[in-house]
Every structure is written in structure tokens, then in C-alpha cells.
Protein backbone atom coordinates (compact mmCIF):
# COMPACT_ATOMS: atom_id res chain seq x y z
CA MET A 1 26.93 -25.32 9.97
CA GLY A 2 25.31 -29.34 9.43
CA ALA A 3 21.62 -29.82 9.88
CA SER A 4 21.80 -31.24 13.26
CA LEU A 5 23.59 -28.15 14.64
CA ARG A 6 20.95 -26.07 12.49
CA ALA A 7 18.24 -27.94 14.04
CA LEU A 8 20.07 -27.56 17.66
CA ARG A 9 20.27 -23.62 17.06
CA ALA A 10 16.52 -23.56 16.08
CA LEU A 11 15.16 -25.48 19.24
CA VAL A 12 17.47 -23.64 21.73
CA LEU A 13 16.12 -20.15 19.94
CA LEU A 14 12.36 -21.88 19.84
CA ALA A 15 13.22 -22.52 23.73
CA GLY A 16 14.51 -19.03 24.64
CA PHE A 17 11.15 -17.67 23.86
CA HIS A 18 9.59 -20.26 26.21
CA LEU A 19 12.12 -19.13 28.74
CA LEU A 20 11.09 -15.93 28.26
CA GLY A 21 7.78 -16.88 29.33
CA VAL A 22 8.66 -18.80 32.13
CA LEU A 23 10.68 -15.76 33.44
CA MET A 24 7.95 -13.00 32.86
CA LEU A 25 4.84 -15.37 34.54
CA ALA A 26 7.31 -15.51 37.44
CA LEU A 27 7.86 -11.93 37.50
CA LEU A 28 4.21 -11.25 37.50
CA GLY A 29 3.83 -13.84 39.75
CA ALA A 30 6.60 -11.92 42.37
CA ILE A 31 4.75 -9.11 41.85
CA ASP A 32 1.25 -10.43 43.31
CA TRP A 33 3.59 -11.96 46.32
CA ALA A 34 5.05 -9.07 46.93
CA ALA A 35 1.38 -7.11 47.02
CA THR A 36 -0.07 -9.67 49.35
CA LEU A 37 2.53 -8.58 51.88
CA TRP A 38 3.01 -4.76 51.40
CA THR A 39 -0.37 -3.31 49.94
CA PRO A 40 -4.07 -3.19 51.26
CA GLY A 41 -6.16 -5.44 50.03
CA SER A 42 -8.22 -3.13 47.44
CA VAL A 43 -4.69 -2.39 46.00
CA TYR A 44 -3.65 -5.97 45.70
CA LEU A 45 -6.62 -7.00 44.18
CA LYS A 46 -6.50 -4.47 41.24
CA LEU A 47 -3.03 -5.46 40.97
CA TYR A 48 -3.90 -8.99 40.88
CA VAL A 49 -6.30 -8.27 37.85
CA VAL A 50 -3.45 -6.40 35.82
CA THR A 51 -1.07 -9.39 36.41
CA ALA A 52 -3.80 -11.73 35.43
CA VAL A 53 -4.92 -9.67 32.14
CA LEU A 54 -1.29 -9.18 31.25
CA ALA A 55 -0.52 -12.88 31.89
CA ILE A 56 -2.76 -14.25 29.14
CA PRO A 57 -1.43 -13.27 25.81
CA ILE A 58 2.09 -14.50 27.29
CA VAL A 59 0.57 -17.67 28.22
CA ARG A 60 -1.21 -18.13 24.51
CA GLY A 61 1.68 -17.25 23.08
CA MET A 62 3.83 -19.93 24.89
CA PHE A 63 0.95 -22.66 24.49
CA MET A 64 -0.01 -21.66 20.67
CA LEU A 65 1.74 -25.22 19.76
CA ARG A 66 0.31 -25.16 16.12
CA THR A 67 1.70 -23.12 13.57
CA PRO A 68 -0.83 -21.39 11.09
CA LYS A 69 -1.70 -24.39 8.49
CA ASP A 70 -0.05 -23.33 5.36
CA GLU A 71 -2.83 -22.60 2.75
CA GLY A 72 -0.36 -23.32 -0.49
CA THR A 73 0.21 -21.26 -3.48
CA ALA A 74 -2.64 -21.26 -5.70
CA GLY A 75 -1.59 -23.15 -9.10
CA VAL A 76 -1.74 -26.47 -11.24
CA PRO A 77 -0.72 -29.69 -10.00
CA VAL A 78 1.01 -31.56 -12.89
CA SER A 79 1.65 -35.45 -12.99
CA GLU A 80 4.19 -37.09 -14.77
CA SER A 81 2.43 -38.18 -17.49
CA ASP A 82 0.96 -34.20 -18.06
CA GLU A 83 4.42 -32.92 -17.92
CA PRO A 84 7.17 -35.89 -18.78
CA ARG A 85 10.01 -33.82 -19.57
CA LEU A 86 9.34 -31.08 -16.75
CA TRP A 87 9.32 -34.33 -13.98
CA ARG A 88 12.32 -36.13 -15.97
CA THR A 89 14.27 -32.94 -15.40
CA VAL A 90 13.59 -32.28 -11.80
CA ARG A 91 14.16 -35.91 -11.09
CA GLU A 92 17.70 -36.29 -13.07
CA LEU A 93 18.75 -32.84 -10.86
CA ALA A 94 17.51 -34.09 -7.48
CA GLU A 95 19.23 -37.63 -8.00
CA ARG A 96 22.55 -35.10 -8.79
CA VAL A 97 21.74 -32.98 -5.99
CA GLY A 98 21.30 -36.22 -3.82
CA THR A 99 18.56 -35.74 -2.59
CA ARG A 100 14.37 -37.29 -2.45
CA ALA A 101 12.75 -35.34 -5.44
CA PRO A 102 9.68 -33.57 -4.85
CA ASP A 103 6.42 -35.87 -4.94
CA GLU A 104 4.15 -32.78 -6.32
CA ILE A 105 5.16 -30.01 -9.11
CA ARG A 106 2.75 -27.08 -8.94
CA LEU A 107 2.67 -24.82 -12.07
CA THR A 108 1.81 -21.20 -10.54
CA ALA A 109 1.61 -17.41 -11.88
CA ASP A 110 4.31 -16.09 -9.55
CA MET A 111 7.40 -14.73 -10.89
CA ASN A 112 9.59 -17.06 -8.77
CA ALA A 113 10.29 -20.87 -7.95
CA ALA A 114 10.24 -22.13 -4.30
CA VAL A 115 9.89 -25.36 -2.55
CA SER A 116 8.42 -26.58 0.55
CA GLU A 117 8.07 -29.87 3.10
CA GLU A 118 5.14 -30.57 5.27
CA SER A 119 7.69 -31.95 7.88
CA ARG A 120 6.89 -33.72 11.25
CA LEU A 121 7.63 -33.44 14.99
CA LEU A 122 9.07 -30.02 14.90
CA GLY A 123 10.70 -30.15 11.04
CA LEU A 124 13.14 -33.44 12.94
CA LEU A 125 11.15 -35.62 10.21
CA GLY A 126 10.41 -34.94 6.60
CA GLY A 127 7.36 -35.42 4.59
CA ARG A 128 5.58 -34.34 1.18
CA ARG A 129 7.30 -32.14 -0.98
CA ARG A 130 6.50 -29.67 -3.50
CA LEU A 131 8.02 -27.67 -6.07
CA TYR A 132 6.41 -24.33 -7.11
CA LEU A 133 7.15 -23.46 -10.20
CA GLY A 134 6.31 -19.81 -11.88
CA LEU A 135 5.30 -19.98 -15.23
CA PRO A 136 6.21 -16.31 -15.60
CA LEU A 137 9.86 -17.33 -14.70
CA MET A 138 9.98 -19.97 -16.88
CA ALA A 139 9.17 -17.49 -20.14
CA GLY A 140 11.89 -15.39 -19.04
CA LEU A 141 14.86 -18.13 -18.72
CA SER A 142 16.54 -20.63 -20.88
CA GLU A 143 16.26 -24.24 -20.35
CA ALA A 144 19.73 -23.66 -18.86
CA GLN A 145 18.91 -20.73 -16.42
CA LEU A 146 15.83 -23.15 -15.28
CA ARG A 147 18.04 -25.83 -14.42
CA ALA A 148 20.29 -23.97 -12.17
CA VAL A 149 16.92 -22.17 -10.42
CA LEU A 150 15.72 -25.43 -10.06
CA ALA A 151 19.11 -27.17 -8.49
CA HIS A 152 18.99 -24.25 -6.22
CA GLU A 153 15.35 -25.38 -4.92
CA LEU A 154 16.34 -28.55 -4.99
CA GLY A 155 19.59 -28.02 -3.18
CA HIS A 156 17.34 -26.60 -0.13
CA TYR A 157 15.95 -29.87 0.14
CA GLY A 158 19.14 -31.53 0.31
CA ASN A 159 20.53 -29.09 2.88
CA ALA A 160 17.41 -29.51 5.30
CA ASP A 161 16.44 -26.47 4.96
CA THR A 162 12.66 -27.21 4.40
CA ARG A 163 12.55 -29.49 7.16
CA LEU A 164 14.14 -27.41 9.47
CA THR A 165 11.78 -24.33 8.67
CA GLY A 166 9.02 -25.80 10.55
CA ILE A 167 10.81 -25.10 13.85
CA THR A 168 12.20 -21.64 13.01
CA GLU A 169 8.67 -20.53 11.34
CA ARG A 170 7.12 -21.62 14.57
CA GLY A 171 9.51 -19.52 16.80
CA ARG A 172 8.76 -16.45 14.72
CA VAL A 173 4.95 -16.99 14.76
CA GLN A 174 4.60 -17.64 18.06
CA VAL A 175 6.75 -14.44 19.27
CA LEU A 176 5.17 -12.12 16.93
CA ARG A 177 1.63 -13.30 17.79
CA THR A 178 2.44 -12.39 21.30
CA ILE A 179 3.76 -8.89 20.39
CA ALA A 180 0.64 -8.67 18.48
CA HIS A 181 -1.60 -9.59 21.16
CA PHE A 182 0.19 -6.90 23.38
CA GLU A 183 -0.14 -3.98 20.86
CA GLU A 184 -3.80 -5.18 20.34
CA LYS A 185 -4.84 -4.74 24.29
CA ALA A 186 -2.27 -1.53 24.39
CA GLY A 187 -4.66 0.04 21.29
CA GLY A 188 -7.80 -0.92 22.84
CA LYS A 189 -6.74 0.72 26.03
CA VAL A 190 -6.00 3.87 24.40
CA ALA A 191 -9.02 4.18 22.42
CA LYS A 192 -10.72 3.51 25.24
CA GLU A 193 -9.21 6.56 26.91
CA ARG A 194 -9.40 8.49 24.19
CA ALA A 195 -13.02 7.96 24.13
CA ARG A 196 -13.15 8.82 27.64
CA GLN A 197 -11.33 12.09 27.57
CA GLU A 198 -13.60 13.22 24.33
CA ARG A 199 -16.63 12.54 26.06
CA LYS A 200 -15.16 14.64 28.80
CA ALA A 201 -14.32 17.37 26.83
CA ALA A 202 -17.62 17.34 25.17
CA LYS A 203 -19.57 17.98 28.19
CA ARG A 204 -17.03 20.75 29.42
CA LEU A 205 -17.97 22.75 26.19
CA ALA A 206 -21.62 22.17 26.16
CA ARG A 207 -20.92 23.95 29.57
CA GLY A 208 -19.09 26.73 27.85
CA GLU A 209 -16.11 25.61 29.68
CA ALA A 210 -12.40 25.53 27.75
CA ALA A 211 -12.00 21.68 26.88
CA LYS A 212 -8.82 19.90 27.51
CA GLU A 213 -6.12 18.40 24.89
CA VAL A 214 -6.85 14.76 24.32
CA ASP A 215 -3.48 12.82 26.20
CA THR A 216 -3.45 9.27 25.76
CA THR A 217 0.33 8.92 26.98
CA GLY A 218 -0.37 6.88 29.94
CA ALA A 219 -2.97 4.49 28.17
CA GLY A 220 -1.82 1.09 27.98
CA ILE A 221 1.37 1.52 28.82
CA THR A 222 2.03 -1.80 31.13
CA TYR A 223 1.12 -3.54 27.44
CA ARG A 224 3.37 -1.59 25.69
CA THR A 225 6.18 -2.37 27.76
CA MET A 226 5.76 -6.15 27.52
CA ALA A 227 5.08 -5.72 23.84
CA LYS A 228 8.94 -3.80 23.93
CA ILE A 229 10.36 -6.95 25.99
CA TYR A 230 9.34 -9.04 23.36
CA THR A 231 10.13 -7.29 20.20
CA ALA A 232 13.74 -7.15 21.49
CA TYR A 233 13.34 -10.97 21.61
CA ALA A 234 11.83 -10.99 17.97
CA HIS A 235 14.76 -8.75 16.64
CA PHE A 236 17.21 -11.10 18.45
CA TYR A 237 15.57 -14.25 16.74
CA MET A 238 15.04 -13.05 13.49
CA ARG A 239 18.53 -11.87 13.28
CA ALA A 240 19.84 -15.22 14.22
CA THR A 241 17.13 -17.24 11.92
CA LEU A 242 17.43 -14.85 9.10
CA ALA A 243 21.33 -14.98 9.05
CA GLY A 244 20.96 -18.78 8.59
CA SER A 245 18.79 -18.41 5.79
CA ARG A 246 21.37 -16.30 4.29
CA ARG A 247 24.04 -18.86 4.21
CA GLN A 248 21.74 -21.57 2.94
CA GLU A 249 21.30 -19.29 -0.04
CA LEU A 250 24.58 -19.52 -0.78
CA ALA A 251 24.90 -22.86 -0.41
CA ALA A 252 22.19 -23.51 -2.60
CA ASP A 253 23.81 -21.27 -4.77
CA LEU A 254 27.25 -23.45 -5.07
CA ALA A 255 24.75 -26.46 -5.57
CA ALA A 256 23.08 -24.63 -8.47
CA ALA A 257 26.36 -24.20 -9.91
CA ARG A 258 28.35 -27.50 -9.35
CA ILE A 259 25.12 -29.24 -11.15
CA ALA A 260 23.91 -26.40 -13.65
CA GLY A 261 27.16 -24.80 -14.18
CA ARG A 262 28.70 -21.53 -13.43
CA ASP A 263 27.82 -19.21 -16.11
CA ALA A 264 23.81 -20.91 -16.11
CA THR A 265 23.44 -20.05 -12.52
CA ALA A 266 25.14 -16.72 -12.42
CA SER A 267 22.98 -15.53 -15.67
CA ALA A 268 19.68 -17.34 -14.05
CA LEU A 269 20.55 -14.97 -10.53
CA ARG A 270 21.38 -12.03 -12.94
CA GLU A 271 17.84 -12.29 -14.68
CA ILE A 272 15.77 -12.58 -11.52
CA PRO A 273 15.59 -9.09 -10.36
CA VAL A 274 15.22 -7.96 -14.02
CA LEU A 275 12.66 -10.57 -14.75
CA ASP A 276 10.49 -9.43 -11.34
CA ALA A 277 10.89 -5.48 -12.66
CA ALA A 278 9.41 -6.73 -15.97
CA HIS A 279 6.74 -8.82 -14.92
CA GLY A 280 5.55 -6.25 -12.66
CA PHE A 281 5.79 -3.48 -15.10
CA TYR A 282 3.84 -6.09 -17.50
CA LEU A 283 1.21 -6.31 -15.21
CA ASN A 284 0.55 -2.72 -14.37
CA ALA A 285 1.22 -1.59 -18.10
CA TYR A 286 -0.52 -4.18 -20.07
CA ALA A 287 -1.81 -7.24 -18.69
CA THR A 288 -4.64 -4.85 -16.45
CA LEU A 289 -4.71 -2.03 -18.40
CA GLY A 290 -8.31 -2.70 -19.32
CA ALA A 291 -9.55 -4.49 -15.78
CA GLU A 292 -11.46 -0.85 -14.71
CA PHE A 293 -13.22 -1.47 -17.92
CA GLY A 294 -14.23 -5.13 -17.74
CA MET A 295 -11.70 -6.75 -20.11
CA LEU A 296 -8.57 -8.46 -20.17
CA PRO A 297 -6.30 -9.84 -22.92
CA PRO A 298 -6.99 -13.25 -24.53
CA ARG A 299 -6.91 -16.50 -22.38
CA GLY A 300 -3.20 -17.45 -21.31
CA GLU A 301 -2.16 -13.97 -22.07
CA VAL A 302 -2.84 -12.57 -18.98
CA ILE A 303 0.06 -14.75 -17.36
CA GLY A 304 2.12 -15.40 -20.62
CA GLY A 305 1.82 -11.75 -22.47
CA VAL A 306 5.00 -10.79 -20.25
CA ARG A 307 6.81 -13.00 -23.21
CA HIS A 308 6.21 -10.18 -25.83
CA LEU A 309 7.55 -7.62 -23.18
CA LEU A 310 10.22 -9.57 -22.77
CA ALA A 311 11.28 -10.20 -26.10
CA ALA A 312 10.69 -6.52 -27.43
CA ARG A 313 12.68 -5.05 -24.76
CA ARG A 314 15.85 -7.03 -24.68
CA GLU A 315 18.49 -3.87 -25.46
CA GLU A 316 16.64 -2.37 -22.52
CA LEU A 317 16.56 -5.33 -19.78
CA ASP A 318 20.30 -5.99 -21.05
CA GLU A 319 21.06 -2.87 -19.28
CA LEU A 320 19.56 -4.00 -16.18
CA ARG A 321 21.13 -7.25 -16.38
CA ARG A 322 24.39 -5.18 -16.09
CA GLU A 323 23.85 -3.35 -13.53
CA LEU A 324 22.55 -5.62 -10.27
CA PRO A 325 20.85 -4.02 -7.61
CA THR A 326 23.14 -3.02 -5.06
CA GLU A 327 20.91 -2.22 -2.10
CA PRO A 328 22.63 -2.25 1.30
CA ALA A 329 22.55 -5.56 3.13
CA SER A 330 19.83 -5.55 6.42
CA PRO A 331 20.16 -8.04 9.02
CA TYR A 332 16.73 -8.85 8.45
CA ASP A 333 16.93 -9.89 4.93
CA SER A 334 16.08 -13.59 4.08
CA HIS A 335 18.59 -13.20 0.81
CA PRO A 336 21.92 -12.15 0.42
CA ALA A 337 21.98 -9.33 -2.03
CA MET A 338 21.83 -10.34 -5.21
CA ALA A 339 24.94 -8.73 -6.58
CA GLU A 340 27.10 -10.52 -3.46
CA ARG A 341 25.41 -13.64 -4.59
CA VAL A 342 26.50 -13.44 -8.65
CA ALA A 343 30.23 -12.00 -7.67
CA ARG A 344 30.30 -15.26 -5.80
CA ILE A 345 29.50 -17.58 -8.38
CA GLU A 346 31.29 -15.44 -10.97
CA ALA A 347 34.28 -16.02 -8.83
CA LEU A 348 34.19 -19.78 -9.05
CA PRO A 349 36.64 -21.50 -11.69
CA ASP A 350 35.58 -22.16 -14.98
CA ASP A 351 33.72 -25.02 -15.45
CA GLY A 352 33.55 -25.42 -19.75
CA ARG A 353 29.95 -25.06 -19.84
CA ALA A 354 29.57 -21.75 -21.19
CA SER A 355 28.44 -23.10 -24.53
CA GLU A 356 25.15 -24.46 -23.86
CA PRO A 357 22.28 -23.58 -26.51
CA ALA A 358 19.68 -21.38 -25.22
CA LEU A 359 16.60 -23.37 -25.66
CA PRO A 360 13.30 -21.48 -23.96
CA ALA A 361 12.54 -23.17 -20.45
CA LEU A 362 8.74 -23.27 -21.50
CA GLY A 363 10.13 -25.90 -24.13
CA LEU A 364 10.18 -28.44 -21.07
CA LEU A 365 6.16 -28.16 -21.13
CA ALA A 366 4.07 -30.31 -23.49
CA SER A 367 2.09 -27.52 -24.40
CA ALA A 368 2.84 -23.61 -22.74
CA GLU A 369 -0.39 -22.28 -24.34
CA VAL A 370 -2.53 -25.25 -22.45
CA SER A 371 -0.31 -24.71 -18.99
CA LEU A 372 -0.97 -20.81 -19.47
CA THR A 373 -4.60 -21.10 -19.75
CA ALA A 374 -5.10 -23.83 -16.89
CA VAL A 375 -3.02 -21.77 -14.52
CA GLU A 376 -4.58 -18.41 -15.06
CA GLY A 377 -7.91 -20.11 -14.31
CA THR A 378 -6.82 -20.94 -10.88
CA THR A 379 -5.10 -17.81 -9.99
CA LEU A 380 -7.88 -15.33 -11.57
CA THR A 381 -10.73 -14.01 -9.11
CA PRO A 382 -14.36 -15.11 -10.18
CA GLU A 383 -14.47 -11.86 -11.27
CA ALA A 384 -12.12 -11.26 -13.31
CA LEU A 385 -12.51 -14.84 -14.82
CA ARG A 386 -15.90 -13.04 -16.35
CA MET A 387 -14.43 -10.15 -17.91
CA ARG A 388 -14.56 -9.81 -21.60
CA ARG A 389 -11.47 -11.05 -23.30
CA VAL A 390 -9.87 -9.05 -25.92
CA GLU A 391 -7.32 -9.50 -28.65
CA TRP A 392 -4.12 -7.20 -27.50
CA PRO A 393 -4.78 -4.41 -30.36
CA ASP A 394 -8.22 -3.71 -29.53
CA LEU A 395 -7.76 -3.86 -25.64
CA VAL A 396 -5.04 -1.38 -26.09
CA HIS A 397 -7.46 0.85 -28.12
CA THR A 398 -10.57 0.39 -26.32
CA SER A 399 -8.64 0.65 -23.26
CA MET A 400 -6.62 3.98 -23.88
CA THR A 401 -10.24 5.26 -25.46
CA ALA A 402 -11.69 4.97 -22.20
CA HIS A 403 -9.25 6.27 -19.82
CA ALA A 404 -8.95 10.00 -21.78
CA ALA A 405 -12.67 9.91 -21.97
CA ARG A 406 -12.75 9.47 -18.00
CA GLN A 407 -10.01 11.52 -17.56
CA ALA A 408 -11.86 13.92 -19.51
CA GLU A 409 -15.13 14.21 -17.17
CA PRO A 410 -14.23 16.97 -14.82
CA LEU A 411 -14.06 18.99 -17.81
CA LEU A 412 -17.21 18.23 -19.29
CA LYS A 413 -18.77 18.29 -15.58
CA ALA A 414 -17.67 21.94 -15.75
CA THR A 415 -19.04 22.47 -19.19
CA GLY A 416 -22.73 21.38 -18.45
CA GLU A 417 -22.57 23.52 -15.13
CA VAL A 418 -21.73 26.44 -16.93
CA THR A 419 -23.71 26.22 -20.45
CA GLY A 420 -26.44 23.44 -19.21
CA SER A 421 -24.87 20.87 -21.69
CA ALA A 422 -21.51 18.39 -21.14
CA SER A 423 -20.36 17.93 -24.61
CA LEU A 424 -17.60 18.96 -26.68
CA PRO A 425 -19.44 21.28 -28.83
CA ALA A 426 -20.80 23.22 -25.63
CA LEU A 427 -17.49 23.79 -24.88
CA LEU A 428 -16.16 24.80 -28.11
CA ASP A 429 -18.89 27.38 -27.87
CA ALA A 430 -18.37 28.49 -24.38
CA ILE A 431 -14.71 29.26 -25.53
CA ASP A 432 -15.68 31.44 -28.18
CA ALA A 433 -18.34 33.28 -25.98
CA GLY A 434 -15.18 33.96 -23.28
CA LYS A 435 -16.92 31.70 -20.79
CA ALA A 436 -13.39 29.38 -20.80
CA TRP A 437 -12.24 30.55 -17.09
CA GLN A 438 -15.53 30.47 -15.95
CA ILE A 439 -15.51 26.32 -16.91
CA THR A 440 -11.84 25.95 -15.39
CA ASP A 441 -12.51 28.02 -12.18
CA ARG A 442 -14.90 25.03 -11.49
CA LEU A 443 -12.14 22.33 -11.71
CA PRO A 444 -10.05 20.96 -8.93
CA LYS A 445 -7.12 23.31 -8.38
CA SER A 446 -3.62 23.24 -6.71
CA GLU A 447 -3.51 25.65 -3.19
CA GLU A 448 -1.14 27.82 -5.56
CA ALA A 449 -3.31 28.13 -8.25
CA ALA A 450 -6.54 28.59 -5.65
CA SER A 451 -4.78 31.45 -4.19
CA ALA A 452 -3.93 33.08 -7.75
CA THR A 453 -6.01 35.93 -9.37
CA GLY A 454 -6.11 37.38 -12.90
CA ARG A 455 -3.85 36.82 -15.48
CA ALA A 456 -1.81 34.13 -12.96
CA ALA A 457 -4.90 32.40 -12.60
CA ARG A 458 -5.58 32.02 -16.35
CA GLU A 459 -2.14 31.04 -16.81
CA PHE A 460 -2.61 27.95 -13.96
CA ALA A 461 -5.85 27.36 -15.75
CA ARG A 462 -4.80 27.24 -19.28
CA PRO A 463 -2.73 23.97 -19.21
CA VAL A 464 -5.60 22.50 -17.53
CA LEU A 465 -8.08 23.35 -20.28
CA ARG A 466 -5.65 22.49 -23.17
CA GLN A 467 -5.15 19.17 -21.61
CA GLY A 468 -8.77 18.46 -20.99
CA LEU A 469 -9.63 19.77 -24.31
CA SER A 470 -6.76 17.34 -25.93
CA ARG A 471 -8.54 14.61 -24.25
CA LEU A 472 -12.05 14.90 -25.72
CA VAL A 473 -10.56 16.13 -29.22
CA THR A 474 -8.71 12.58 -29.34
CA THR A 475 -12.06 10.32 -28.02
CA ALA A 476 -13.99 11.65 -30.40
CA LEU A 477 -11.39 11.22 -33.31
CA THR A 478 -10.94 7.71 -31.79
CA GLU A 479 -14.83 7.35 -31.68
CA ASP A 480 -15.50 8.25 -35.17
CA GLY A 481 -12.47 5.81 -36.16
CA ARG A 482 -10.09 8.65 -37.22
CA ALA A 483 -7.85 8.07 -34.80
CA ARG A 484 -6.17 4.68 -33.28
CA TRP A 485 -4.53 3.72 -30.55
CA GLN A 486 -1.33 1.53 -31.48
CA LEU A 487 -0.40 -1.15 -29.30
CA SER A 488 3.53 -1.02 -28.29
CA TRP A 489 5.66 -3.78 -26.70
CA VAL A 490 8.79 -1.31 -26.80
CA GLU A 491 6.96 2.13 -25.49
CA SER A 492 3.94 3.75 -24.48
CA ALA A 493 0.77 3.37 -26.55
CA THR A 494 0.62 5.53 -29.19
CA LEU A 495 -2.11 7.77 -30.87
CA ARG A 496 -2.15 7.40 -34.82
CA LEU A 497 -3.75 10.11 -36.00
CA PRO A 498 -5.13 11.00 -39.84
CA PRO A 499 -2.36 12.44 -41.95
CA GLY A 500 -1.20 16.04 -41.03
CA TYR A 501 -3.09 15.93 -37.80
CA GLU A 502 0.12 15.18 -36.10
CA ASP A 503 1.47 18.97 -36.53
CA GLU A 504 -2.26 20.63 -37.14
CA LEU A 505 -3.82 19.17 -33.56
CA PRO A 506 -1.63 21.08 -31.47
CA GLU A 507 -1.53 24.23 -33.23
CA ALA A 508 -5.16 24.42 -33.12
CA LEU A 509 -5.59 23.45 -29.54
CA ASP A 510 -2.85 26.42 -29.21
CA ALA A 511 -5.54 28.48 -30.43
CA ALA A 512 -8.56 27.83 -28.55
CA VAL A 513 -6.53 28.42 -25.46
CA ALA A 514 -5.20 31.58 -26.47
CA ASP A 515 -6.04 34.95 -24.62
CA ARG A 516 -7.89 36.01 -27.63
CA PRO A 517 -9.31 32.31 -28.39
CA ASP A 518 -10.39 30.71 -31.74
CA THR A 519 -12.07 27.77 -31.98
CA GLY A 520 -11.86 27.47 -35.68
CA PRO A 521 -9.15 25.15 -36.75
CA LEU A 522 -10.37 22.77 -33.92
CA ARG A 523 -13.66 22.72 -35.03
CA LEU A 524 -12.10 22.05 -38.83
CA LEU A 525 -10.12 19.37 -37.89
CA LEU A 526 -13.24 17.72 -35.99
CA HIS A 527 -15.52 18.60 -38.64
CA THR A 528 -17.78 20.22 -36.19
CA PRO A 529 -19.58 23.62 -37.61
């Protein structure tokens, strides 16, 4: 479908929203007119107030001519003098796509690339263009793959997708806002009715009478009915516009394959879901590991550290590349399923460009480290920027030690309540004195464990005691320098214990929580009398 037809369809869909509003206002007016003929004056006045209140969200939606202003994506704009190779690549690709190059390139912290355009006159006239390029995405792609991604994004410009986004987005915003207005009003009515009935029930209880169950079924029904009407149109609107979005993505994929090559485009598409999953895991397991204790990795590594993970887990990620997501397609998806996109590209004829060298995409930047640090400075919150920066090995060791100590706090607290001293030596003394189960009885329990008694209760408590004791022991060993948490990009952090402790410590923990406890082996390992 050409740009003119897509623009016409977008305008028709937007006009449909306004037509629906006119019809709803006409219906409300007809109800008012009928009420003046066949209802008493008092009833007519109440009905008039209801219809007037219902008309307000409709009118607000219809005449909301301005969409919310795009606040943009956090990042760092780079000029041609800052990044000559990147700009040269983008301009070359734009020329091959047959479109105007972006006016601005912004480097971001997202695992994504995107384009936008400040179109005018409902998107009928183009405007300032921006290309958003995520540094984590660049960190995981080769130069050839990045060229395919850039060609795809520039293909959206060439197909007028970004210009026409203004029309479709306006319709989405207006219909969703109208629905939100009605739902907000309905919620207010329900809350008011609930409060009224609860006050009435409280008065009945105060008089010794039975209170009725609160029932708000009929509250706000007129607002909910109006919301359902607009929701039905919203479903139609979203299905129609998102179907167009999916076709635009497929067209942009073909543009990328034509310009960057079939194999580079297919491999880039395969890479995107893998990189997205790896990036999310990296942020949770590594980058923010010490954030709750006021620590972050070295500057630039919050964003750039994902490179270490991608390099270390190459084989694991290769398996994910071969197994594309096969999630069922939804009419409300803005993108086709990745498996479908890859299959379409790989079905194209061989273009002979499979042997291009796999140069790192970050090589297009004048200095990857400088860019990573600069983008990090604009992305992190002021609180995060004030956090202490720690080298990766020390970050992992200090954070894991702090995590273990925090997880052991409930056991220490229970020990203090029983013995008067919240410490590991006091816990060992309590175990020797036969007070271990008194301590575990004060720890949080599952419903099943709470109902158990006698031997069964001890069997529920034993692994909890052993786990807490293990955390306290490892914390003690790390604090005196005999044990250390080891950074690994291949697996979870591991605790390096003194020679012989890997075999002796589990046995000593088992002995300490046995039916006839013996803390001697554990004290020997801890050098505790």
C-alpha cells in the first residue's frame, strides 16, 4: 500500500473516532429531546445532568487536537565532527535507501534502534528526523549487522512510516484518553457508592443490626457502557493500524536485505531477541548487583559491561540464536513474529555477500569508552550517579557478602531474642544448649510448617537453620579474608573457600543441625572457641 493510501486510511480511521463522537452526542441529545416530551420536569432535569456529564469526555476527546509532546529518549546527540564514521555510514545507507538522512543521531542506553520524525499537518509534511542508536545493541552486533539494522530503520523514512505515525498516533491517543476519562468517572462513582454503603453498614452494626454486603454493581454503569462503546472502536482501530505497522516492518526488512545483504540482515534479526534477553539478565545479575548497597561498576560499565557477558557466554547464546521465539502472533502486535521475519529474509536468493568480515559495530565510534561513559551520565538517576564506583571483582565480592549478611539477619534477630546476643557465637552456644528449635520457631514459616509439631516441625526447621547458619559462616569467613566471592561471566558468582573447606564445611553444618548437635567441627573451621 502506497504512502497516499496509507495516509488516507489513517485519516479515515481518525475521522471515524470523531464520527463516533458526533453520533454519541446526537444520541444523548435525542434522549434529552425525548425526555422533554414524555417525562416530568424533575426527571428531565436529572436526565439532562446525566447526559451533560456523559458528553464532557466525548467532547474533550474529539477536540483534543494536540497529542502529548514527545519528551524524547535520554541519550547523547553526536555531531559529524564527534562521530565521522558513524555519520558517514548513516548518510551512505540513507542515500542507498533513497531517503533524506536523519538530522540528528542520539546514542542511548537502550538495547534498541529507532527513528522518529517531527511531522507537521497531521503527518502530511515531514520534519526534523532523529535516529536513536543504543550502545548495548552496538556492543552485540557486527558492523555488517548494524548496517542492516540502520538500513531497516532508514527504510521507515523511505516508506513515509514515521511521517504517518503522527496521524495514527493521534487517533490512538484520543480514543484511549476518552476511554480513560469514562473509566475514571466510573471508578469515582463506584468508590463513592462503596463509601456510602460502608457508612450505612457501620451505623447498622453500631445499632446491633446485621449489615448488608456492599454491592456496587450498578454504580457508574452509564460511564462503563460508554467506555465499552469506545473500547470496541479502540480494538478496531488498533487492529487496523497495527496490521499496517507489521507490514511496514516487513517492508523495512526487505530494504535492509537489499542494501546490507540477506545474510547480514537475517543474522541481525536472529541476534536481536538474544541480545535483548542477555541485556536484561546482565542488568539484573551484574550491573545492579551492588546498587542496593550504594555501589555500581566502573564508569561506562553499567552500559558497556554487557560486552563481557556476550563474549563469555557465546556458546550458550548460539543455542538461543538457533531457536527463535515462536510466540503466537496477535492482531495487536506492532511487529511480526521474529521467526516469520527471519524466514522471509532467509528465503530470498543468495546475494553473494555472506563473507563480509565480522568487525565490531562499536568500531564505528571514535571512542567506545568515551561514548559509553557519556551516555551513562545522561541515563542514570542523580542518586545512581552519586554511588561509589567499584571494579568488577570487588563489586561482586562486596555485594555478595552484603547479600549473605542481609539474608541471615532474621536468624540473628531470633538468636538475640532467645539468648540476648545476636551473633554467630551466641547461635553456636544456643545450639549446644539445645535451644536451636526455640530460635527457628521465631523465624517466618510456611503455612504447612506453622501447623507441624514435634518431629515434623523440626524437619521443616532443620534446612532453614542450616541455610541461615551457612550464610553466617560464609559471611564470617569473607569478613576475615579467608573466603572470597569470585566474579564469573559464565555462571553465578562462586565462593572460594580455604583449602579443604569445600568438603569439611558441609559436614560441619550437618553436624551442627543434627538431632544431637555438635558445633565442634564448625567452631574448628571458624577458629572460634
